[in-house]
């Protein structure tokens, strides 16, 4: 579940609202143990996702670095390369 949470800080272009919310959703899913909560827990689940999204947005806006922002396309290519090596068929 948590493998889907990606680093969002120091990228060009910056993380979108959808990316921050998706990371928050994955985090709440991991904490709660629910992939999809029951109707009885839906309100609490949604509230938690909203609060974690707000906290993540605040964190990302507050962080500073001297490093040059990373390029999303380059990082995505590196991730695909690592995945191809990791899941390559064994001979």
N, C-alpha and C. Protein backbone atom coordinates (compact mmCIF):
# COMPACT_ATOMS: atom_id res chain seq x y z
N UNK A 1 0.81 -1.20 0.00
CA UNK A 1 0.00 0.00 0.00
C UNK A 1 0.86 1.26 0.00
N UNK A 2 1.83 1.38 0.88
CA UNK A 2 2.60 2.61 1.00
C UNK A 2 3.63 2.80 -0.11
N UNK A 3 3.84 1.81 -0.93
CA UNK A 3 4.78 1.99 -2.02
C UNK A 3 4.30 3.05 -2.98
N UNK A 4 3.02 3.36 -2.94
CA UNK A 4 2.46 4.37 -3.84
C UNK A 4 2.69 5.79 -3.36
N UNK A 5 3.19 5.97 -2.17
CA UNK A 5 3.46 7.31 -1.68
C UNK A 5 4.81 7.74 -2.25
N UNK A 6 4.79 8.78 -3.04
CA UNK A 6 5.98 9.27 -3.72
C UNK A 6 6.50 10.53 -3.03
N UNK A 7 7.80 10.76 -3.18
CA UNK A 7 8.38 12.00 -2.71
C UNK A 7 7.79 13.14 -3.52
N UNK A 8 7.33 14.19 -2.85
CA UNK A 8 6.68 15.29 -3.53
C UNK A 8 7.46 16.60 -3.43
N UNK A 9 8.49 16.64 -2.62
CA UNK A 9 9.22 17.88 -2.40
C UNK A 9 10.35 18.06 -3.40
N UNK A 10 10.57 19.28 -3.81
CA UNK A 10 11.70 19.71 -4.64
C UNK A 10 11.65 19.12 -6.04
N UNK A 11 10.49 19.23 -6.67
CA UNK A 11 10.35 18.81 -8.06
C UNK A 11 9.94 20.01 -8.90
N UNK A 12 10.33 19.95 -10.15
CA UNK A 12 9.88 20.95 -11.12
C UNK A 12 9.10 20.21 -12.19
N UNK A 13 7.85 20.51 -12.40
CA UNK A 13 7.01 21.44 -11.66
C UNK A 13 6.64 20.88 -10.29
N UNK A 14 6.20 21.75 -9.38
CA UNK A 14 5.85 21.31 -8.02
C UNK A 14 4.70 20.29 -8.02
N UNK A 15 4.57 19.61 -6.90
CA UNK A 15 3.50 18.61 -6.74
C UNK A 15 2.14 19.27 -6.92
N UNK A 16 1.26 18.56 -7.57
CA UNK A 16 -0.10 19.06 -7.76
C UNK A 16 -0.95 18.74 -6.54
N UNK A 17 -2.09 19.40 -6.45
CA UNK A 17 -3.04 19.13 -5.37
C UNK A 17 -3.48 17.67 -5.39
N UNK A 18 -3.67 17.11 -6.59
CA UNK A 18 -4.08 15.72 -6.72
C UNK A 18 -3.01 14.76 -6.20
N UNK A 19 -1.74 15.07 -6.43
CA UNK A 19 -0.65 14.22 -5.94
C UNK A 19 -0.57 14.27 -4.41
N UNK A 20 -0.75 15.45 -3.84
CA UNK A 20 -0.72 15.58 -2.38
C UNK A 20 -1.89 14.81 -1.78
N UNK A 21 -3.07 14.93 -2.36
CA UNK A 21 -4.25 14.22 -1.85
C UNK A 21 -4.09 12.71 -2.00
N UNK A 22 -3.52 12.25 -3.12
CA UNK A 22 -3.32 10.81 -3.33
C UNK A 22 -2.35 10.25 -2.28
N UNK A 23 -1.31 11.00 -1.95
CA UNK A 23 -0.37 10.55 -0.92
C UNK A 23 -1.06 10.50 0.44
N UNK A 24 -1.89 11.51 0.72
CA UNK A 24 -2.63 11.54 1.99
C UNK A 24 -3.59 10.36 2.08
N UNK A 25 -4.26 10.06 0.99
CA UNK A 25 -5.19 8.93 0.95
C UNK A 25 -4.45 7.62 1.23
N UNK A 26 -3.31 7.42 0.60
CA UNK A 26 -2.53 6.20 0.84
C UNK A 26 -2.09 6.10 2.30
N UNK A 27 -1.68 7.24 2.86
CA UNK A 27 -1.24 7.26 4.26
C UNK A 27 -2.38 6.89 5.19
N UNK A 28 -3.56 7.47 4.97
CA UNK A 28 -4.72 7.16 5.82
C UNK A 28 -5.15 5.70 5.64
N UNK A 29 -5.09 5.20 4.42
CA UNK A 29 -5.41 3.79 4.19
C UNK A 29 -4.47 2.89 4.98
N UNK A 30 -3.18 3.23 4.97
CA UNK A 30 -2.21 2.42 5.70
C UNK A 30 -2.47 2.47 7.20
N UNK A 31 -2.70 3.67 7.72
CA UNK A 31 -2.93 3.80 9.16
C UNK A 31 -4.20 3.09 9.61
N UNK A 32 -5.25 3.22 8.81
CA UNK A 32 -6.54 2.66 9.21
C UNK A 32 -6.66 1.17 8.91
N UNK A 33 -5.92 0.71 7.91
CA UNK A 33 -6.06 -0.68 7.50
C UNK A 33 -7.22 -0.89 6.55
N UNK A 34 -7.89 0.20 6.16
CA UNK A 34 -9.03 0.12 5.25
C UNK A 34 -8.61 0.59 3.87
N UNK A 35 -8.91 -0.21 2.86
CA UNK A 35 -8.75 0.27 1.49
C UNK A 35 -9.95 1.13 1.13
N UNK A 36 -11.10 0.67 1.55
CA UNK A 36 -12.35 1.43 1.40
C UNK A 36 -13.11 1.25 2.71
N UNK A 37 -13.33 2.33 3.45
CA UNK A 37 -14.00 2.20 4.75
C UNK A 37 -15.48 1.88 4.61
N UNK A 38 -16.05 1.34 5.67
CA UNK A 38 -17.49 1.08 5.70
C UNK A 38 -18.23 2.42 5.75
N UNK A 39 -19.52 2.38 5.53
CA UNK A 39 -20.33 3.61 5.59
C UNK A 39 -20.24 4.26 6.96
N UNK A 40 -20.13 3.43 7.99
CA UNK A 40 -20.05 3.94 9.36
C UNK A 40 -18.74 4.72 9.59
N UNK A 41 -17.69 4.36 8.87
CA UNK A 41 -16.38 4.99 9.05
C UNK A 41 -16.04 6.00 7.96
N UNK A 42 -16.90 6.15 6.96
CA UNK A 42 -16.58 6.99 5.81
C UNK A 42 -16.30 8.44 6.20
N UNK A 43 -17.11 9.02 7.07
CA UNK A 43 -16.93 10.43 7.46
C UNK A 43 -15.60 10.63 8.16
N UNK A 44 -15.27 9.74 9.08
CA UNK A 44 -13.99 9.86 9.80
C UNK A 44 -12.82 9.68 8.84
N UNK A 45 -12.96 8.74 7.93
CA UNK A 45 -11.91 8.47 6.93
C UNK A 45 -11.69 9.70 6.05
N UNK A 46 -12.78 10.26 5.54
CA UNK A 46 -12.68 11.44 4.67
C UNK A 46 -12.11 12.64 5.41
N UNK A 47 -12.50 12.81 6.67
CA UNK A 47 -11.97 13.91 7.47
C UNK A 47 -10.46 13.75 7.68
N UNK A 48 -10.04 12.52 7.93
CA UNK A 48 -8.62 12.26 8.13
C UNK A 48 -7.84 12.55 6.85
N UNK A 49 -8.36 12.14 5.72
CA UNK A 49 -7.68 12.41 4.44
C UNK A 49 -7.55 13.92 4.23
N UNK A 50 -8.59 14.65 4.53
CA UNK A 50 -8.55 16.11 4.40
C UNK A 50 -7.51 16.75 5.31
N UNK A 51 -7.45 16.30 6.56
CA UNK A 51 -6.50 16.85 7.51
C UNK A 51 -5.06 16.51 7.13
N UNK A 52 -4.84 15.28 6.68
CA UNK A 52 -3.48 14.88 6.27
C UNK A 52 -3.08 15.65 5.00
N UNK A 53 -4.02 15.86 4.10
CA UNK A 53 -3.74 16.65 2.89
C UNK A 53 -3.32 18.06 3.28
N UNK A 54 -4.05 18.66 4.20
CA UNK A 54 -3.71 20.02 4.66
C UNK A 54 -2.33 20.05 5.30
N UNK A 55 -2.05 19.06 6.15
CA UNK A 55 -0.75 19.00 6.82
C UNK A 55 0.38 18.80 5.80
N UNK A 56 0.15 17.96 4.81
CA UNK A 56 1.17 17.72 3.79
C UNK A 56 1.42 18.98 2.96
N UNK A 57 0.35 19.67 2.60
CA UNK A 57 0.48 20.91 1.84
C UNK A 57 1.28 21.95 2.64
N UNK A 58 0.98 22.06 3.93
CA UNK A 58 1.70 22.99 4.80
C UNK A 58 3.18 22.61 4.89
N UNK A 59 3.44 21.32 5.05
CA UNK A 59 4.82 20.85 5.12
C UNK A 59 5.58 21.19 3.85
N UNK A 60 5.02 20.85 2.71
CA UNK A 60 5.70 21.10 1.43
C UNK A 60 5.96 22.59 1.21
N UNK A 61 5.03 23.44 1.64
CA UNK A 61 5.21 24.88 1.49
C UNK A 61 6.26 25.43 2.44
N UNK A 62 6.50 24.74 3.56
CA UNK A 62 7.42 25.23 4.58
C UNK A 62 8.86 24.77 4.37
N UNK A 63 9.06 23.69 3.64
CA UNK A 63 10.40 23.14 3.46
C UNK A 63 11.25 24.04 2.56
N UNK A 64 12.54 24.10 2.86
CA UNK A 64 13.49 24.86 2.04
C UNK A 64 14.68 23.98 1.71
N UNK A 65 15.30 24.26 0.59
CA UNK A 65 16.48 23.51 0.19
C UNK A 65 17.33 24.37 -0.74
N UNK A 66 18.60 24.07 -0.77
CA UNK A 66 19.52 24.74 -1.69
C UNK A 66 19.70 23.90 -2.96
N UNK A 67 19.16 22.68 -2.95
CA UNK A 67 19.32 21.78 -4.09
C UNK A 67 18.48 22.25 -5.27
N UNK A 68 18.97 21.94 -6.44
CA UNK A 68 18.24 22.24 -7.67
C UNK A 68 17.03 21.30 -7.74
N UNK A 69 15.86 21.82 -8.12
CA UNK A 69 14.69 20.94 -8.22
C UNK A 69 14.93 19.80 -9.20
N UNK A 70 14.43 18.63 -8.82
CA UNK A 70 14.58 17.44 -9.68
C UNK A 70 13.54 17.49 -10.79
N UNK A 71 13.91 16.93 -11.92
CA UNK A 71 13.02 16.88 -13.08
C UNK A 71 12.14 15.65 -12.97
N UNK A 72 10.84 15.82 -13.06
CA UNK A 72 9.90 14.71 -12.93
C UNK A 72 10.11 13.63 -13.98
N UNK A 73 10.38 14.06 -15.23
CA UNK A 73 10.56 13.09 -16.30
C UNK A 73 11.81 12.24 -16.09
N UNK A 74 12.88 12.85 -15.64
CA UNK A 74 14.13 12.11 -15.38
C UNK A 74 13.92 11.12 -14.24
N UNK A 75 13.27 11.57 -13.17
CA UNK A 75 13.02 10.68 -12.03
C UNK A 75 12.09 9.53 -12.41
N UNK A 76 11.09 9.80 -13.24
CA UNK A 76 10.18 8.75 -13.68
C UNK A 76 10.93 7.72 -14.53
N UNK A 77 11.83 8.17 -15.38
CA UNK A 77 12.63 7.25 -16.20
C UNK A 77 13.51 6.38 -15.32
N UNK A 78 14.11 6.98 -14.31
CA UNK A 78 14.94 6.20 -13.37
C UNK A 78 14.11 5.15 -12.64
N UNK A 79 12.90 5.53 -12.24
CA UNK A 79 12.02 4.58 -11.54
C UNK A 79 11.64 3.43 -12.46
N UNK A 80 11.34 3.73 -13.72
CA UNK A 80 11.02 2.66 -14.68
C UNK A 80 12.21 1.72 -14.88
N UNK A 81 13.40 2.30 -14.93
CA UNK A 81 14.62 1.51 -15.08
C UNK A 81 14.81 0.57 -13.89
N UNK A 82 14.65 1.10 -12.68
CA UNK A 82 14.78 0.27 -11.47
C UNK A 82 13.74 -0.83 -11.46
N UNK A 83 12.52 -0.49 -11.87
CA UNK A 83 11.46 -1.49 -11.90
C UNK A 83 11.75 -2.58 -12.91
N UNK A 84 12.24 -2.19 -14.07
CA UNK A 84 12.57 -3.18 -15.11
C UNK A 84 13.65 -4.14 -14.62
N UNK A 85 14.64 -3.61 -13.93
CA UNK A 85 15.70 -4.47 -13.38
C UNK A 85 15.16 -5.37 -12.28
N UNK A 86 14.32 -4.81 -11.43
CA UNK A 86 13.78 -5.56 -10.30
C UNK A 86 12.87 -6.69 -10.75
N UNK A 87 12.06 -6.44 -11.76
CA UNK A 87 11.07 -7.42 -12.18
C UNK A 87 11.41 -8.11 -13.49
N UNK A 88 12.68 -8.00 -13.89
CA UNK A 88 13.12 -8.67 -15.13
C UNK A 88 13.01 -10.18 -14.98
N UNK A 89 12.60 -10.85 -16.06
CA UNK A 89 12.52 -12.31 -15.98
C UNK A 89 13.91 -12.91 -15.75
N UNK A 90 13.95 -13.87 -14.89
CA UNK A 90 15.23 -14.52 -14.57
C UNK A 90 15.52 -15.62 -15.58
N UNK A 91 16.75 -15.68 -15.99
CA UNK A 91 17.11 -16.72 -16.96
C UNK A 91 17.98 -17.77 -16.34
